């Protein structure tokens, strides 16, 4: 089974606002960068979308280590929030609808295909891959802003 490392990040200019996401997949000596943007979104959605898009590139069952600086995503798994949400019909502990249900469901669907570990990294620190993902996501925001400006 292949061992794959995935680094991801999301960013938003305004929250909500124009958002960018990025992922770097590493397998042996190969690295693949992916990124994109959305016109109107939130930072949390971009963090989740980066992981989702990265997972969708995997064509077979893998051992995956996912590195994210998103407390929102990491805590959902580490603190079993996501398990509780599923068991409670996608309701929070205070009976409110879980935000971003569409992406949570899509993430769970992709993750069940693999063995995975989600690892918290400190954002804007000394992790070169996290920093590169941040840079790519921010570049996508600028690209999306430029396209939006041209179309107005």
C-alpha atoms as a PDB file:
ATOM      1  CA  UNK A   1       0.000   0.000   0.000  1.00  0.00           C
ATOM      2  CA  UNK A   2       1.262   3.464  -0.892  1.00  0.00           C
ATOM      3  CA  UNK A   3       2.187   5.936   1.822  1.00  0.00           C
ATOM      4  CA  UNK A   4       1.077   9.442   0.863  1.00  0.00           C
ATOM      5  CA  UNK A   5       1.531  12.703   2.730  1.00  0.00           C
ATOM      6  CA  UNK A   6      -0.962  15.497   2.055  1.00  0.00           C
ATOM      7  CA  UNK A   7      -0.411  19.096   3.130  1.00  0.00           C
ATOM      8  CA  UNK A   8      -3.318  21.488   2.752  1.00  0.00           C
ATOM      9  CA  UNK A   9      -4.358  25.031   3.497  1.00  0.00           C
ATOM     10  CA  UNK A  10      -7.233  27.366   2.853  1.00  0.00           C
ATOM     11  CA  UNK A  11      -7.434  31.131   2.966  1.00  0.00           C
ATOM     12  CA  UNK A  12     -10.089  33.792   2.618  1.00  0.00           C
ATOM     13  CA  UNK A  13     -10.036  37.504   1.875  1.00  0.00           C
ATOM     14  CA  UNK A  14     -12.884  38.512   4.128  1.00  0.00           C
ATOM     15  CA  UNK A  15     -14.798  35.752   5.872  1.00  0.00           C
ATOM     16  CA  UNK A  16     -16.974  35.203   3.960  1.00  0.00           C
ATOM     17  CA  UNK A  17     -15.193  36.467   0.893  1.00  0.00           C
ATOM     18  CA  UNK A  18     -13.024  35.316  -1.970  1.00  0.00           C
ATOM     19  CA  UNK A  19     -11.282  32.130  -0.936  1.00  0.00           C
ATOM     20  CA  UNK A  20      -8.358  30.047  -2.089  1.00  0.00           C
ATOM     21  CA  UNK A  21      -7.325  26.493  -1.310  1.00  0.00           C
ATOM     22  CA  UNK A  22      -4.222  24.408  -1.980  1.00  0.00           C
ATOM     23  CA  UNK A  23      -2.843  20.950  -1.471  1.00  0.00           C
ATOM     24  CA  UNK A  24       0.494  19.249  -1.930  1.00  0.00           C
ATOM     25  CA  UNK A  25       0.530  15.467  -2.274  1.00  0.00           C
ATOM     26  CA  UNK A  26       3.820  13.679  -1.678  1.00  0.00           C
ATOM     27  CA  UNK A  27       4.504  10.077  -2.700  1.00  0.00           C
ATOM     28  CA  UNK A  28       8.107   8.883  -2.546  1.00  0.00           C
ATOM     29  CA  UNK A  29      10.061  11.572  -4.429  1.00  0.00           C
ATOM     30  CA  UNK A  30       7.039  12.932  -6.298  1.00  0.00           C
ATOM     31  CA  UNK A  31       5.130  16.073  -5.359  1.00  0.00           C
ATOM     32  CA  UNK A  32       1.896  17.310  -6.899  1.00  0.00           C
ATOM     33  CA  UNK A  33       0.505  20.779  -6.203  1.00  0.00           C
ATOM     34  CA  UNK A  34      -3.158  21.637  -6.678  1.00  0.00           C
ATOM     35  CA  UNK A  35      -5.043  24.847  -5.943  1.00  0.00           C
ATOM     36  CA  UNK A  36      -8.131  26.833  -6.801  1.00  0.00           C
ATOM     37  CA  UNK A  37     -10.465  29.578  -5.677  1.00  0.00           C
ATOM     38  CA  UNK A  38     -14.099  30.434  -4.992  1.00  0.00           C
ATOM     39  CA  UNK A  39     -15.777  33.786  -5.337  1.00  0.00           C
ATOM     40  CA  UNK A  40     -17.819  33.741  -2.108  1.00  0.00           C
ATOM     41  CA  UNK A  41     -16.882  31.306   0.639  1.00  0.00           C
ATOM     42  CA  UNK A  42     -15.410  30.954   4.127  1.00  0.00           C
ATOM     43  CA  UNK A  43     -11.992  30.041   5.434  1.00  0.00           C
ATOM     44  CA  UNK A  44     -13.292  26.809   6.996  1.00  0.00           C
ATOM     45  CA  UNK A  45     -14.797  25.695   3.686  1.00  0.00           C
ATOM     46  CA  UNK A  46     -11.495  26.339   1.936  1.00  0.00           C
ATOM     47  CA  UNK A  47      -9.589  24.317   4.551  1.00  0.00           C
ATOM     48  CA  UNK A  48     -11.979  21.393   4.040  1.00  0.00           C
ATOM     49  CA  UNK A  49     -12.110  21.728   0.265  1.00  0.00           C
ATOM     50  CA  UNK A  50      -8.313  21.528   0.018  1.00  0.00           C
ATOM     51  CA  UNK A  51      -8.329  18.171   1.801  1.00  0.00           C
ATOM     52  CA  UNK A  52     -11.268  16.906  -0.233  1.00  0.00           C
ATOM     53  CA  UNK A  53      -9.709  17.798  -3.580  1.00  0.00           C
ATOM     54  CA  UNK A  54      -6.409  16.228  -2.540  1.00  0.00           C
ATOM     55  CA  UNK A  55      -8.119  12.987  -1.535  1.00  0.00           C
ATOM     56  CA  UNK A  56     -10.013  12.836  -4.825  1.00  0.00           C
ATOM     57  CA  UNK A  57      -6.701  12.517  -6.677  1.00  0.00           C
ATOM     58  CA  UNK A  58      -5.888   9.185  -5.012  1.00  0.00           C
ATOM     59  CA  UNK A  59      -6.759   6.283  -7.280  1.00  0.00           C
ATOM     60  CA  UNK A  60      -6.262   3.427  -4.824  1.00  0.00           C
ATOM     61  CA  UNK A  61      -6.392   2.692  -1.095  1.00  0.00           C
ATOM     62  CA  UNK A  62      -3.465   4.404   0.641  1.00  0.00           C
ATOM     63  CA  UNK A  63      -1.965   5.072   4.033  1.00  0.00           C
ATOM     64  CA  UNK A  64      -2.355   8.834   4.305  1.00  0.00           C
ATOM     65  CA  UNK A  65      -1.014  11.463   6.643  1.00  0.00           C
ATOM     66  CA  UNK A  66      -2.952  14.694   6.237  1.00  0.00           C
ATOM     67  CA  UNK A  67      -1.276  17.805   7.616  1.00  0.00           C
ATOM     68  CA  UNK A  68      -3.494  20.818   8.288  1.00  0.00           C
ATOM     69  CA  UNK A  69      -3.245  24.015  10.302  1.00  0.00           C
ATOM     70  CA  UNK A  70      -7.037  24.123  10.627  1.00  0.00           C
ATOM     71  CA  UNK A  71      -8.190  23.612  14.205  1.00  0.00           C
ATOM     72  CA  UNK A  72     -11.730  23.358  12.780  1.00  0.00           C
ATOM     73  CA  UNK A  73     -10.849  20.271  10.730  1.00  0.00           C
ATOM     74  CA  UNK A  74      -8.316  18.653  13.050  1.00  0.00           C
ATOM     75  CA  UNK A  75     -10.486  19.024  16.165  1.00  0.00           C
ATOM     76  CA  UNK A  76     -13.505  17.567  14.362  1.00  0.00           C
ATOM     77  CA  UNK A  77     -11.583  14.297  14.103  1.00  0.00           C
ATOM     78  CA  UNK A  78      -9.299  14.389  17.165  1.00  0.00           C
ATOM     79  CA  UNK A  79     -12.071  15.339  19.579  1.00  0.00           C
ATOM     80  CA  UNK A  80     -14.665  13.069  17.922  1.00  0.00           C
ATOM     81  CA  UNK A  81     -16.950  15.963  17.023  1.00  0.00           C
ATOM     82  CA  UNK A  82     -17.591  14.450  13.626  1.00  0.00           C
ATOM     83  CA  UNK A  83     -18.552  11.072  15.114  1.00  0.00           C
ATOM     84  CA  UNK A  84     -20.975  12.824  17.462  1.00  0.00           C
ATOM     85  CA  UNK A  85     -22.429  14.907  14.627  1.00  0.00           C
ATOM     86  CA  UNK A  86     -23.090  11.799  12.560  1.00  0.00           C
ATOM     87  CA  UNK A  87     -24.644   9.996  15.543  1.00  0.00           C
ATOM     88  CA  UNK A  88     -26.817  13.045  16.294  1.00  0.00           C
ATOM     89  CA  UNK A  89     -28.123  13.416  12.736  1.00  0.00           C
ATOM     90  CA  UNK A  90     -25.668  16.197  11.871  1.00  0.00           C
ATOM     91  CA  UNK A  91     -26.647  18.300  14.865  1.00  0.00           C
ATOM     92  CA  UNK A  92     -24.211  19.967  17.253  1.00  0.00           C
ATOM     93  CA  UNK A  93     -24.294  19.371  21.005  1.00  0.00           C
ATOM     94  CA  UNK A  94     -26.641  22.352  21.308  1.00  0.00           C
ATOM     95  CA  UNK A  95     -28.979  20.857  18.637  1.00  0.00           C
ATOM     96  CA  UNK A  96     -28.027  23.286  15.843  1.00  0.00           C
ATOM     97  CA  UNK A  97     -27.302  22.149  12.298  1.00  0.00           C
ATOM     98  CA  UNK A  98     -23.632  21.411  11.694  1.00  0.00           C
ATOM     99  CA  UNK A  99     -22.112  23.927   9.310  1.00  0.00           C
ATOM    100  CA  UNK A 100     -20.613  22.695   6.053  1.00  0.00           C
ATOM    101  CA  UNK A 101     -22.475  19.370   6.125  1.00  0.00           C
ATOM    102  CA  UNK A 102     -21.955  18.919   2.383  1.00  0.00           C
ATOM    103  CA  UNK A 103     -18.179  19.030   2.746  1.00  0.00           C
ATOM    104  CA  UNK A 104     -18.094  16.939   5.937  1.00  0.00           C
ATOM    105  CA  UNK A 105     -20.095  14.193   4.208  1.00  0.00           C
ATOM    106  CA  UNK A 106     -17.893  14.347   1.110  1.00  0.00           C
ATOM    107  CA  UNK A 107     -14.746  14.210   3.266  1.00  0.00           C
ATOM    108  CA  UNK A 108     -15.994  11.179   5.186  1.00  0.00           C
ATOM    109  CA  UNK A 109     -16.870   9.479   1.920  1.00  0.00           C
ATOM    110  CA  UNK A 110     -13.333   9.967   0.586  1.00  0.00           C
ATOM    111  CA  UNK A 111     -11.591   9.151   3.868  1.00  0.00           C
ATOM    112  CA  UNK A 112     -13.370   5.805   4.256  1.00  0.00           C
ATOM    113  CA  UNK A 113     -11.459   4.607   1.189  1.00  0.00           C
ATOM    114  CA  UNK A 114      -8.121   4.917   2.999  1.00  0.00           C
ATOM    115  CA  UNK A 115      -6.215   4.494   6.242  1.00  0.00           C
ATOM    116  CA  UNK A 116      -5.583   8.003   7.473  1.00  0.00           C
ATOM    117  CA  UNK A 117      -4.191  10.190  10.193  1.00  0.00           C
ATOM    118  CA  UNK A 118      -4.894  13.904  10.467  1.00  0.00           C
ATOM    119  CA  UNK A 119      -2.047  15.879  11.977  1.00  0.00           C
ATOM    120  CA  UNK A 120      -2.173  19.467  13.237  1.00  0.00           C
ATOM    121  CA  UNK A 121       0.651  21.717  12.100  1.00  0.00           C
ATOM    122  CA  UNK A 122       1.259  25.234  13.268  1.00  0.00           C
ATOM    123  CA  UNK A 123       0.259  27.698  10.557  1.00  0.00           C
ATOM    124  CA  UNK A 124       2.669  30.335   9.281  1.00  0.00           C
ATOM    125  CA  UNK A 125       5.540  28.587  11.039  1.00  0.00           C
ATOM    126  CA  UNK A 126       8.529  26.568   9.853  1.00  0.00           C
ATOM    127  CA  UNK A 127       6.717  23.827   7.927  1.00  0.00           C
ATOM    128  CA  UNK A 128       7.753  24.422   4.312  1.00  0.00           C
ATOM    129  CA  UNK A 129       4.837  22.493   2.831  1.00  0.00           C
ATOM    130  CA  UNK A 130       2.234  24.272   4.945  1.00  0.00           C
ATOM    131  CA  UNK A 131       3.812  27.597   4.017  1.00  0.00           C
ATOM    132  CA  UNK A 132       3.793  26.649   0.329  1.00  0.00           C
ATOM    133  CA  UNK A 133       0.098  25.697   0.541  1.00  0.00           C
ATOM    134  CA  UNK A 134      -0.643  29.036   2.195  1.00  0.00           C
ATOM    135  CA  UNK A 135       1.224  30.833  -0.584  1.00  0.00           C
ATOM    136  CA  UNK A 136      -0.639  28.883  -3.304  1.00  0.00           C
ATOM    137  CA  UNK A 137      -4.030  29.535  -1.675  1.00  0.00           C
ATOM    138  CA  UNK A 138      -3.299  33.255  -1.407  1.00  0.00           C
ATOM    139  CA  UNK A 139      -2.156  33.358  -5.029  1.00  0.00           C
ATOM    140  CA  UNK A 140      -5.492  31.834  -5.996  1.00  0.00           C
ATOM    141  CA  UNK A 141      -7.339  34.560  -4.081  1.00  0.00           C
ATOM    142  CA  UNK A 142      -5.439  37.214  -6.049  1.00  0.00           C
ATOM    143  CA  UNK A 143      -6.148  35.379  -9.304  1.00  0.00           C
ATOM    144  CA  UNK A 144      -9.864  35.176  -8.467  1.00  0.00           C
ATOM    145  CA  UNK A 145      -9.931  38.885  -7.516  1.00  0.00           C
ATOM    146  CA  UNK A 146      -8.283  39.804 -10.813  1.00  0.00           C
ATOM    147  CA  UNK A 147     -10.791  37.737 -12.802  1.00  0.00           C
ATOM    148  CA  UNK A 148     -13.663  39.277 -10.860  1.00  0.00           C
ATOM    149  CA  UNK A 149     -12.306  42.788 -11.502  1.00  0.00           C
ATOM    150  CA  UNK A 150     -12.005  42.111 -15.256  1.00  0.00           C
ATOM    151  CA  UNK A 151     -15.564  40.798 -15.456  1.00  0.00           C
ATOM    152  CA  UNK A 152     -17.048  43.853 -13.657  1.00  0.00           C
END
